[in-house]
Amino acid sequence: MDMINSIADMSIEMANNKLMTNVSKAVLDMTMDTYQEQGDELTKMMEASVTPYLGQNIDVTI
């Protein structure tokens, strides 16, 4: 009976490890997506700042 319990315990342990691996992978994928979006936004901001004349003149007529 001890061997059956040992096999059952090992099976449960392996299932838990697989679940934790899948959860960790999902969290990592979400984190990578977030960093990708932030990188894209940073690229857009840097491209917008390439035009040095933009925003240097202010019309103050009343």
C-alpha atoms as a PDB file:
ATOM      1  CA  MET A   1       0.000   0.000   0.000  1.00  0.00           C
ATOM      2  CA  ASP A   2       2.949   2.278   0.670  1.00  0.00           C
ATOM      3  CA  MET A   3       4.137   2.039  -2.942  1.00  0.00           C
ATOM      4  CA  ILE A   4       0.675   3.015  -4.250  1.00  0.00           C
ATOM      5  CA  ASN A   5       0.634   6.081  -2.022  1.00  0.00           C
ATOM      6  CA  SER A   6       4.125   6.963  -3.150  1.00  0.00           C
ATOM      7  CA  ILE A   7       3.107   6.749  -6.823  1.00  0.00           C
ATOM      8  CA  ALA A   8      -0.015   8.817  -6.153  1.00  0.00           C
ATOM      9  CA  ASP A   9       2.029  11.434  -4.299  1.00  0.00           C
ATOM     10  CA  MET A  10       4.519  11.587  -7.158  1.00  0.00           C
ATOM     11  CA  SER A  11       1.683  12.001  -9.672  1.00  0.00           C
ATOM     12  CA  ILE A  12       0.190  14.867  -7.669  1.00  0.00           C
ATOM     13  CA  GLU A  13       3.612  16.487  -7.331  1.00  0.00           C
ATOM     14  CA  MET A  14       4.210  16.268 -11.083  1.00  0.00           C
ATOM     15  CA  ALA A  15       0.776  17.764 -11.826  1.00  0.00           C
ATOM     16  CA  ASN A  16       1.471  20.628  -9.422  1.00  0.00           C
ATOM     17  CA  ASN A  17       4.851  21.275 -11.028  1.00  0.00           C
ATOM     18  CA  LYS A  18       3.267  21.330 -14.485  1.00  0.00           C
ATOM     19  CA  LEU A  19       0.599  23.773 -13.275  1.00  0.00           C
ATOM     20  CA  MET A  20       3.202  26.081 -11.725  1.00  0.00           C
ATOM     21  CA  THR A  21       5.265  25.972 -14.923  1.00  0.00           C
ATOM     22  CA  ASN A  22       2.219  26.878 -17.018  1.00  0.00           C
ATOM     23  CA  VAL A  23       1.272  29.737 -14.690  1.00  0.00           C
ATOM     24  CA  SER A  24       4.825  31.075 -14.693  1.00  0.00           C
ATOM     25  CA  LYS A  25       4.929  30.931 -18.485  1.00  0.00           C
ATOM     26  CA  ALA A  26       1.610  32.789 -18.753  1.00  0.00           C
ATOM     27  CA  VAL A  27       2.820  35.531 -16.402  1.00  0.00           C
ATOM     28  CA  LEU A  28       6.079  35.809 -18.341  1.00  0.00           C
ATOM     29  CA  ASP A  29       4.156  36.102 -21.628  1.00  0.00           C
ATOM     30  CA  MET A  30       2.007  38.898 -20.172  1.00  0.00           C
ATOM     31  CA  THR A  31       5.104  40.699 -18.899  1.00  0.00           C
ATOM     32  CA  MET A  32       6.817  40.419 -22.260  1.00  0.00           C
ATOM     33  CA  ASP A  33       3.711  41.781 -24.012  1.00  0.00           C
ATOM     34  CA  THR A  34       3.668  44.746 -21.636  1.00  0.00           C
ATOM     35  CA  TYR A  35       7.349  45.491 -22.259  1.00  0.00           C
ATOM     36  CA  GLN A  36       6.792  45.194 -26.011  1.00  0.00           C
ATOM     37  CA  GLU A  37       3.949  47.729 -25.862  1.00  0.00           C
ATOM     38  CA  GLN A  38       6.047  50.084 -23.748  1.00  0.00           C
ATOM     39  CA  GLY A  39       8.927  49.769 -26.199  1.00  0.00           C
ATOM     40  CA  ASP A  40       6.625  50.562 -29.112  1.00  0.00           C
ATOM     41  CA  GLU A  41       5.292  53.654 -27.326  1.00  0.00           C
ATOM     42  CA  LEU A  42       8.828  54.796 -26.495  1.00  0.00           C
ATOM     43  CA  THR A  43       9.799  54.382 -30.145  1.00  0.00           C
ATOM     44  CA  LYS A  44       6.810  56.502 -31.205  1.00  0.00           C
ATOM     45  CA  MET A  45       7.760  59.201 -28.698  1.00  0.00           C
ATOM     46  CA  MET A  46      11.349  59.254 -29.906  1.00  0.00           C
ATOM     47  CA  GLU A  47      10.251  59.444 -33.539  1.00  0.00           C
ATOM     48  CA  ALA A  48       7.994  62.384 -32.684  1.00  0.00           C
ATOM     49  CA  SER A  49      10.904  64.234 -31.072  1.00  0.00           C
ATOM     50  CA  VAL A  50      13.015  64.053 -34.248  1.00  0.00           C
ATOM     51  CA  THR A  51      11.393  67.229 -35.634  1.00  0.00           C
ATOM     52  CA  PRO A  52      13.393  69.887 -33.732  1.00  0.00           C
ATOM     53  CA  TYR A  53      11.300  72.839 -34.954  1.00  0.00           C
ATOM     54  CA  LEU A  54       8.074  71.439 -33.526  1.00  0.00           C
ATOM     55  CA  GLY A  55       6.865  73.316 -30.438  1.00  0.00           C
ATOM     56  CA  GLN A  56       9.486  76.083 -30.469  1.00  0.00           C
ATOM     57  CA  ASN A  57       7.118  78.884 -31.567  1.00  0.00           C
ATOM     58  CA  ILE A  58       4.189  80.080 -29.491  1.00  0.00           C
ATOM     59  CA  ASP A  59       1.517  82.386 -30.874  1.00  0.00           C
ATOM     60  CA  VAL A  60       0.767  84.887 -28.102  1.00  0.00           C
ATOM     61  CA  THR A  61      -1.468  87.356 -29.960  1.00  0.00           C
ATOM     62  CA  ILE A  62      -4.547  88.480 -28.144  1.00  0.00           C
END
